[in-house]
């Protein structure tokens, strides 16, 4: 695959519990908390993969610097996106708290 080709953005898959059943309700809806949990897990997975690629490069197990740099950049972008979403959530919460009833 060409390194400048990006995969299409797909909707998040439902988070499953230990039994393998989707944690969605009977109607198939996924809660907002589950979506956030899944997004955090994906960011964490990207961080772990980047750390592994960098470690392999430093220890000499891999000589492919290109793959390591792509993994690190992907993890960095994922983290930046997570922080932007967090900021927007905090701003929305603060705005709701300022509303007069």
Protein backbone atom coordinates (compact mmCIF):
# COMPACT_ATOMS: atom_id res chain seq x y z
CA UNK A 1 0.00 0.00 0.00
CA UNK A 2 1.21 3.47 -0.86
CA UNK A 3 2.29 5.28 2.36
CA UNK A 4 0.35 8.38 1.31
CA UNK A 5 -2.88 6.44 0.86
CA UNK A 6 -5.15 6.66 3.86
CA UNK A 7 -7.72 4.10 4.88
CA UNK A 8 -11.33 5.28 4.72
CA UNK A 9 -12.88 6.45 7.96
CA UNK A 10 -15.24 3.76 9.16
CA UNK A 11 -17.87 4.07 11.87
CA UNK A 12 -16.70 2.71 15.22
CA UNK A 13 -17.46 -0.91 15.95
CA UNK A 14 -19.51 -1.72 19.05
CA UNK A 15 -17.56 -2.39 22.22
CA UNK A 16 -18.07 -5.91 23.50
CA UNK A 17 -18.01 -7.13 27.07
CA UNK A 18 -16.10 -10.17 28.35
CA UNK A 19 -18.80 -12.52 27.09
CA UNK A 20 -18.50 -11.21 23.54
CA UNK A 21 -21.97 -9.70 23.50
CA UNK A 22 -22.27 -6.15 22.30
CA UNK A 23 -22.84 -3.68 25.10
CA UNK A 24 -25.52 -1.94 23.08
CA UNK A 25 -29.13 -1.92 24.11
CA UNK A 26 -31.88 -4.00 22.56
CA UNK A 27 -32.28 -1.48 19.73
CA UNK A 28 -28.60 -1.76 18.75
CA UNK A 29 -27.65 1.74 19.90
CA UNK A 30 -24.19 2.26 21.37
CA UNK A 31 -23.91 4.66 24.30
CA UNK A 32 -21.76 7.77 24.17
CA UNK A 33 -19.63 6.42 27.02
CA UNK A 34 -18.95 3.23 25.07
CA UNK A 35 -17.87 5.26 22.04
CA UNK A 36 -15.48 7.29 24.19
CA UNK A 37 -14.10 4.14 25.79
CA UNK A 38 -13.51 2.58 22.37
CA UNK A 39 -11.80 5.73 21.07
CA UNK A 40 -9.50 5.80 24.10
CA UNK A 41 -8.64 2.15 23.56
CA UNK A 42 -7.77 2.84 19.93
CA UNK A 43 -5.52 5.76 20.92
CA UNK A 44 -3.84 3.56 23.53
CA UNK A 45 -3.36 0.79 20.97
CA UNK A 46 -1.71 3.25 18.55
CA UNK A 47 0.60 4.45 21.35
CA UNK A 48 1.58 0.87 22.24
CA UNK A 49 2.22 0.00 18.59
CA UNK A 50 4.38 3.12 18.10
CA UNK A 51 6.35 2.30 21.24
CA UNK A 52 6.95 -1.24 20.01
CA UNK A 53 8.05 -0.08 16.57
CA UNK A 54 10.44 2.47 18.08
CA UNK A 55 11.84 -0.14 20.49
CA UNK A 56 12.37 -2.60 17.62
CA UNK A 57 14.18 0.10 15.65
CA UNK A 58 16.44 1.04 18.59
CA UNK A 59 17.32 -2.56 19.48
CA UNK A 60 18.09 -3.46 15.88
CA UNK A 61 15.28 -6.00 15.56
CA UNK A 62 13.91 -3.94 12.69
CA UNK A 63 15.74 -1.70 10.24
CA UNK A 64 12.54 -0.23 8.77
CA UNK A 65 12.62 3.37 9.98
CA UNK A 66 9.75 4.29 7.67
CA UNK A 67 7.27 1.99 9.45
CA UNK A 68 8.41 3.20 12.87
CA UNK A 69 8.02 6.86 11.91
CA UNK A 70 4.56 6.24 10.47
CA UNK A 71 3.48 4.47 13.66
CA UNK A 72 4.80 7.32 15.81
CA UNK A 73 3.07 9.95 13.67
CA UNK A 74 -0.20 8.00 13.73
CA UNK A 75 -0.01 7.76 17.52
CA UNK A 76 0.77 11.48 17.77
CA UNK A 77 -2.17 12.46 15.57
CA UNK A 78 -4.48 10.13 17.50
CA UNK A 79 -3.39 11.70 20.78
CA UNK A 80 -3.83 15.23 19.44
CA UNK A 81 -7.33 14.36 18.22
CA UNK A 82 -8.19 12.85 21.60
CA UNK A 83 -7.04 16.03 23.36
CA UNK A 84 -9.08 18.21 20.97
CA UNK A 85 -12.20 16.12 21.63
CA UNK A 86 -11.53 16.33 25.38
CA UNK A 87 -11.28 20.12 25.16
CA UNK A 88 -14.53 20.34 23.21
CA UNK A 89 -16.28 18.12 25.77
CA UNK A 90 -15.05 20.27 28.63
CA UNK A 91 -16.15 23.43 26.83
CA UNK A 92 -19.60 21.93 26.20
CA UNK A 93 -19.89 20.87 29.85
CA UNK A 94 -18.91 24.34 31.05
CA UNK A 95 -21.43 25.93 28.69
CA UNK A 96 -24.21 23.68 29.99
CA UNK A 97 -23.24 24.50 33.58
CA UNK A 98 -23.45 28.24 32.84
CA UNK A 99 -27.01 27.95 31.54
CA UNK A 100 -29.63 29.56 33.73
CA UNK A 101 -32.70 27.59 34.61
